[in-house]
Amino acid sequence: MTLPIDRVDLESLDIADLQQQKLKELFPEVFTEGGKIDFDKLKLTLGKAIDTGKERFGMNWAGKADCYKTIQQPSVATLVPARDESIDFDTTENLFIEGDNLEVLKLLQKSYLGKVKMIYIDPPYNTGKDFIYPDNYSENLDTYLEYTGQIDGEGRKFNSNVDTDGRFHSKWMNMMYPRLFLAKNLLREDGVIFISIDDNEVKNLRSLCDEIFGEESFIGNAIWRSKDNSNNDSKKFSCDHNHTLVYGKRNDWQPAKLSDDSKRSHFKNPDNDPKGAYFDGNPLNSPSYRENLIYDLYSPQNYKISPPKNGWRWSKDIMEEKIKTGEIRFTEDGQSIRRRTYLCEMEGLPPSSLWIDLDKTGHNRQAKYELLNLIPEDVFQTPKPIKLLKYIAQLSDTQDEDIILDFFAGSATTAHAVMDLNKEDGIKRRFICVQLPELTDEKSEAYKVGYKTIAEISKERIRRAAAKIKEEIEQSIATEKRKLISYQSELQKFSDDLLYTLDRKQEHQDAEDKVHAQVKLIEEKQLLLEKIDLGFRVFKLQKSNFKVWDANTEKDADAIQQALELHIDHIDPQAEQEAILFELLLKSGFELTTPIENLTLAGKTVFSIAEGALLICLDKTLTSEVIKAMAELNPSRVICLDEGFQDNDQLKTNAVLIMKSKGVNDFRTV
């Protein structure tokens, strides 16, 4: 008897199953023996939280029900590596993925679930012509392949979402809802998403995010000054701003408190207080009435100062202590008190929701110049400034190895900003950028100079930005080395002069300190050059390398027979080994930048993933020897090609027994 071997699941994460698992963690009692949900029990568990009325507050639109179907429809696509378009493919931890972001977000669910620290997106603003839309709306892999011309679309057309369409806003929300839902899954528990939008859809976007993330997870709406000068020809207001909606994965998310000189200007030190700058404000009043907080104070001038309605913030003993330390002071006329708040005692000041400092967050014209400095031709109309993305990454408190995701990458400002910020502070953040290979207009400058898609512009910007950053670091090292030579020359003069006076000993020490400090600075910059990740791996969305059974196959005998014949050899004959390897990596829940080591075991090539956690053998002629050799390495998981057993049932059975004997309980074939 042949022992069965489990098959590798080639579909993306089952979102409906994931949601049920979350529900089961909270309310295990509402699940029946067969794993079904007992909704009557769920209602009892939730008690008064159930709304049974027909009329309730909420948001609805044409196509909302189909959004859930779109979310729950698994992807059977894959991401194929494109080494020739990448930089430092084998060592970089940055990713650029070319493809429809809906399918890509589905494919990332297994490998990146709960791993992304920060998401920034600048989605289409729905101005009537800024995003394509299939007339026969059913978003899936075939939709993408038809759009990119990889399969015959059988007459399906793609048009801009024009504002004369009766479902203008609905179509935009149908596009955004599934993507935001899947994006939330990827966020870490301390993660946050920033979304740029204009006045046209900000109301609807806020409602979508309230439903997906929860109203309680709304952090703020930052108003970004996007223009450095106003439109004098405007008939109404000159619209000089964009919105940035901010939602945390949890409702307790807080931004990092960055240095902000504009918010410190009211802290002064006119009387040379030894504790430094301070702000004199009214004492904090008690938020609620308490008897022990109701008492009078008397100033040195013997004026009585009555408490506020609810009483003082502190008890009488604590108040007297604060008066002694000088934190609480009487005014000169003795008729009131003031609380002195010291800047040095504050952890930091919360950032403002008004992003109007152009030096801090940049503006659109600056963004155009930044891109033109890299690509002189005018190839992209609406980039975001690097400063804006760097500021957002800092607010998000991103640290070493944190992942920053942008699935509407556009001109790849996010990737550029991540690399530039890493250059400045030495932190090794990682980026994942996703961009649809949207066709450029044949009349555009981008098309004329050779960029046939937006994705090509994105990749070229990352390449040129990386080269520029590397050059800047190298030039900085060269400049510091020239300074070092000058400092060493000054120091040598002291060595040549043996008769220097005692006064010059300090000068000599200062010269030595300058040399040592300069050597250290150069070493730090050289280390940065070695450490900084200026590469990126390119992957492209394509059909699976394996022929996955189509549940929509017609149910007549001829169609089923034809489908079965196609599955006799279920691996695409055009598939390259590396493409198969990365598909198995992705669908086994490993990141696309996971280290891979090539091993030779019993004369066969075996891929060791994550230092042996997973072993993959794609050889088409397996042997007992290679099975034993893999099992003896004690991996957590092993995957082999089913074809590799050559229909040898005894070898299959022995393989299962060998794996179990070595403690390998997750042995699968594909």
Foldseek 3Di string as FASTA:
>chain_A
DFDDFAAFDLWFDQVVVVVLVVVCVVCVPQADPVRDGNVVVVCVVVDPVDDPDPDDDADDAPCPVVLVVLLRDIANWFWFFDVVLWDPQQAFPFAEEAFDLLNVLRLQLLFQFQFFAEEEEADDQLPAARDKAKPPDDDYPVVGCCQVVVDPPVPIDIGTLGPVDPRSVVRVCSSPLSNVLSVLRRHHQLHKYKYKYAPSCPVVVLSSCCVRQNPLQWDDKFKAQADPDFDPPDPPGGDRTIIITMGGNDSPHFFDFDDDVVVCVQFADPPPDVLGTWHKAAADADPAADPQQWDWDAFPVGAIEGAPPRHGNDGPVVVVVCVVVVQWAADPVRHGIIGIGGPVPDPHDGDDSYNYPCVQQNHFVQQQVVLCVQVVWNAADGDGALNNLLNVCNRSVDAAAHEYEYACCQLNSNLLSQLVSCLVPVGAYYYYYYHHQQADDCPGRNVVVPRGGSSVNNSSSLLSSLVVSLVVLVVVLVVLVVVLVVLVVVLVVPVVDPPDDPVCVVVNVVSVVVNVVSVVVSVVSVVSSVPRRSIYIYIYIGRNQFADDDPPQDPDPVSVVVSVVCNVPGGNPPDDPSRNVQSSCSSVNHDSSWNWDWDQFPNFTWIATNNNQEIEGEDQADDPRRLLVNLVSVHQEYEYAPNNPVPVSVSSNVSCVSNVVSVRPHYHYD
